């Protein structure tokens, strides 16, 4: 039965984790470039929005190409992509909770030592919740939820709970 039409159709519906990793990588690169451009050429306060816009711009460009459209829609709505993005976002939230945020540089040196404060400064973890990496993962989570809702459209009484749960979470991410 492995060579039958049912198996071929089932393989066509599945999406592998390699595509999810690829989109995650491209999304983070685009977000970090957008953050760097906005932070260096506009204002440091715009680096968070630059990350979001860079990531959304990359996905929008991918949607304009027919082959890219299918790839982005299938990848962002896949379970593999959610398994990558959601735990990483949760890890960043945990780190942002445990690490001092927006403190004076001397305070980081006192608490974490010279090596630890240098690592935190290099990674941008001194203001994690306003940083580009966190913005990229929140944006990827929102894109994933919206694409998942689009994939399950139209709304019916059977999937109303699904739409309320995932749509509500997407609304919280949007603000």
Protein backbone atom coordinates (compact mmCIF):
# COMPACT_ATOMS: atom_id res chain seq x y z
CA UNK A 1 0.00 0.00 0.00
CA UNK A 2 3.04 2.27 0.21
CA UNK A 3 2.97 2.91 -3.53
CA UNK A 4 -0.77 3.38 -3.92
CA UNK A 5 -2.55 6.63 -4.72
CA UNK A 6 -3.67 7.05 -1.09
CA UNK A 7 -0.07 6.98 0.14
CA UNK A 8 1.05 9.43 -2.54
CA UNK A 9 -1.80 11.78 -1.68
CA UNK A 10 -0.95 11.50 2.04
CA UNK A 11 2.71 12.32 1.35
CA UNK A 12 1.60 15.39 -0.61
CA UNK A 13 -0.42 16.66 2.36
CA UNK A 14 2.40 16.31 4.87
CA UNK A 15 5.01 18.99 5.29
CA UNK A 16 8.44 18.31 6.67
CA UNK A 17 10.35 20.04 9.42
CA UNK A 18 13.10 21.09 6.99
CA UNK A 19 10.76 23.60 5.37
CA UNK A 20 9.80 24.95 8.79
CA UNK A 21 13.48 25.36 9.73
CA UNK A 22 14.17 27.11 6.43
CA UNK A 23 11.32 29.59 6.87
CA UNK A 24 12.31 30.18 10.48
CA UNK A 25 15.89 30.92 9.42
CA UNK A 26 14.91 33.23 6.58
CA UNK A 27 12.39 34.99 8.80
CA UNK A 28 14.91 35.61 11.56
CA UNK A 29 17.49 36.91 9.09
CA UNK A 30 14.95 39.28 7.51
CA UNK A 31 13.75 40.44 10.91
CA UNK A 32 17.27 41.08 12.18
CA UNK A 33 18.19 42.98 9.01
CA UNK A 34 15.01 45.06 9.32
CA UNK A 35 15.79 45.73 12.96
CA UNK A 36 19.36 46.78 12.18
CA UNK A 37 18.24 49.08 9.35
CA UNK A 38 15.52 50.73 11.43
CA UNK A 39 17.74 51.04 14.50
CA UNK A 40 20.68 52.55 12.61
CA UNK A 41 18.92 54.75 10.07
CA UNK A 42 15.70 55.82 11.81
CA UNK A 43 15.93 55.56 15.57
CA UNK A 44 16.84 52.91 18.14
CA UNK A 45 13.20 52.78 19.27
CA UNK A 46 12.19 51.61 15.79
CA UNK A 47 14.34 48.47 15.85
CA UNK A 48 11.45 46.33 17.20
CA UNK A 49 9.12 47.54 14.42
CA UNK A 50 11.90 47.11 11.86
CA UNK A 51 12.17 43.44 12.80
CA UNK A 52 8.43 42.96 12.41
CA UNK A 53 8.32 44.81 9.08
CA UNK A 54 11.36 42.94 7.73
CA UNK A 55 9.77 39.61 8.54
CA UNK A 56 6.35 40.58 7.15
CA UNK A 57 7.98 41.97 4.02
CA UNK A 58 9.80 38.71 3.39
CA UNK A 59 6.61 36.68 3.79
CA UNK A 60 4.71 39.12 1.54
CA UNK A 61 7.34 38.81 -1.19
CA UNK A 62 7.16 35.04 -0.87
CA UNK A 63 3.37 35.17 -1.25
CA UNK A 64 3.67 37.07 -4.54
CA UNK A 65 5.48 34.15 -6.19
CA UNK A 66 3.05 31.27 -6.85
CA UNK A 67 5.47 28.54 -5.71
CA UNK A 68 6.47 30.62 -2.70
CA UNK A 69 2.84 31.19 -1.81
CA UNK A 70 2.14 27.48 -1.41
CA UNK A 71 5.39 26.96 0.47
CA UNK A 72 4.74 29.76 2.98
CA UNK A 73 1.08 28.86 3.49
CA UNK A 74 1.80 25.18 4.04
CA UNK A 75 4.87 25.75 6.19
CA UNK A 76 3.52 28.43 8.52
CA UNK A 77 0.30 26.50 9.12
CA UNK A 78 2.15 23.26 9.88
CA UNK A 79 2.57 21.60 13.24
CA UNK A 80 6.35 21.37 12.69
CA UNK A 81 6.59 25.15 12.40
CA UNK A 82 4.55 25.66 15.57
CA UNK A 83 6.75 23.14 17.39
CA UNK A 84 9.79 25.27 16.47
CA UNK A 85 8.36 28.74 17.11
CA UNK A 86 6.25 28.37 20.25
CA UNK A 87 8.87 26.74 22.54
CA UNK A 88 11.51 29.21 21.33
CA UNK A 89 9.17 32.11 22.14
CA UNK A 90 8.46 30.57 25.54
CA UNK A 91 12.18 30.21 26.20
CA UNK A 92 12.73 33.88 25.37
CA UNK A 93 9.90 34.85 27.74
CA UNK A 94 11.48 32.77 30.51
CA UNK A 95 14.90 34.32 29.87
CA UNK A 96 13.41 37.81 29.84
CA UNK A 97 11.73 37.10 33.15
CA UNK A 98 14.83 35.71 34.85
CA UNK A 99 17.39 38.20 33.46
CA UNK A 100 17.37 41.79 34.66
CA UNK A 101 15.79 44.09 32.08
CA UNK A 102 16.68 47.74 31.42
CA UNK A 103 19.00 48.04 34.40
CA UNK A 104 22.12 50.19 34.62
CA UNK A 105 25.27 48.58 33.13
CA UNK A 106 26.91 48.54 36.57
CA UNK A 107 24.04 46.43 37.92
CA UNK A 108 24.62 43.78 35.21
CA UNK A 109 28.31 43.73 36.08
CA UNK A 110 27.50 43.29 39.78
CA UNK A 111 24.96 40.51 39.25
CA UNK A 112 26.45 38.56 36.30
CA UNK A 113 30.14 39.49 36.38
CA UNK A 114 32.17 40.88 33.52
CA UNK A 115 31.82 37.85 31.22
CA UNK A 116 28.10 37.41 31.88
CA UNK A 117 27.29 41.08 31.36
CA UNK A 118 29.30 41.07 28.11
CA UNK A 119 27.36 38.05 26.83
CA UNK A 120 24.01 39.62 27.77
CA UNK A 121 24.95 42.90 26.07
CA UNK A 122 26.16 41.10 22.92
CA UNK A 123 22.98 39.00 22.64
CA UNK A 124 20.74 41.99 23.39
CA UNK A 125 19.21 40.30 26.41
CA UNK A 126 19.39 43.43 28.57
CA UNK A 127 16.17 44.60 26.91
CA UNK A 128 14.89 41.31 25.55
CA UNK A 129 11.20 42.16 25.23
CA UNK A 130 11.98 45.17 22.99
CA UNK A 131 14.65 43.38 20.97
CA UNK A 132 14.64 42.14 17.41
CA UNK A 133 14.82 38.42 18.23
CA UNK A 134 11.73 38.57 20.43
CA UNK A 135 9.90 40.64 17.79
CA UNK A 136 10.75 38.05 15.14
CA UNK A 137 9.43 35.15 17.19
CA UNK A 138 6.22 37.00 18.12
CA UNK A 139 5.68 37.89 14.48
CA UNK A 140 6.31 34.31 13.38
CA UNK A 141 3.82 33.10 16.00
CA UNK A 142 1.21 35.56 14.73
CA UNK A 143 1.81 34.64 11.09
CA UNK A 144 1.51 30.97 11.98
CA UNK A 145 -1.82 31.50 13.74
CA UNK A 146 -3.26 33.62 10.93
CA UNK A 147 -2.18 31.12 8.24
CA UNK A 148 -3.62 28.28 10.28
CA UNK A 149 -6.95 30.10 10.48
CA UNK A 150 -6.85 30.76 6.74
CA UNK A 151 -6.16 27.08 6.09
CA UNK A 152 -9.18 26.01 8.19
CA UNK A 153 -11.56 28.52 6.58
CA UNK A 154 -14.62 28.59 6.23
CA UNK A 155 -15.99 28.94 9.72
CA UNK A 156 -18.54 26.31 10.69
CA UNK A 157 -20.16 25.10 13.88
CA UNK A 158 -17.68 22.18 13.99
CA UNK A 159 -14.58 24.38 14.07
CA UNK A 160 -15.95 27.44 15.92
CA UNK A 161 -14.00 26.57 19.08
CA UNK A 162 -10.81 26.25 17.06
CA UNK A 163 -11.40 29.68 15.51
CA UNK A 164 -12.18 31.30 18.85
CA UNK A 165 -9.08 29.87 20.51
CA UNK A 166 -6.56 30.52 17.75
CA UNK A 167 -8.17 33.76 16.58
CA UNK A 168 -8.19 35.10 20.13
CA UNK A 169 -4.52 34.29 20.54
CA UNK A 170 -3.74 36.02 17.23
CA UNK A 171 -5.66 39.11 18.41
CA UNK A 172 -3.62 39.19 21.62
CA UNK A 173 -0.39 39.05 19.60
CA UNK A 174 -1.55 41.84 17.30
CA UNK A 175 -2.37 44.00 20.30
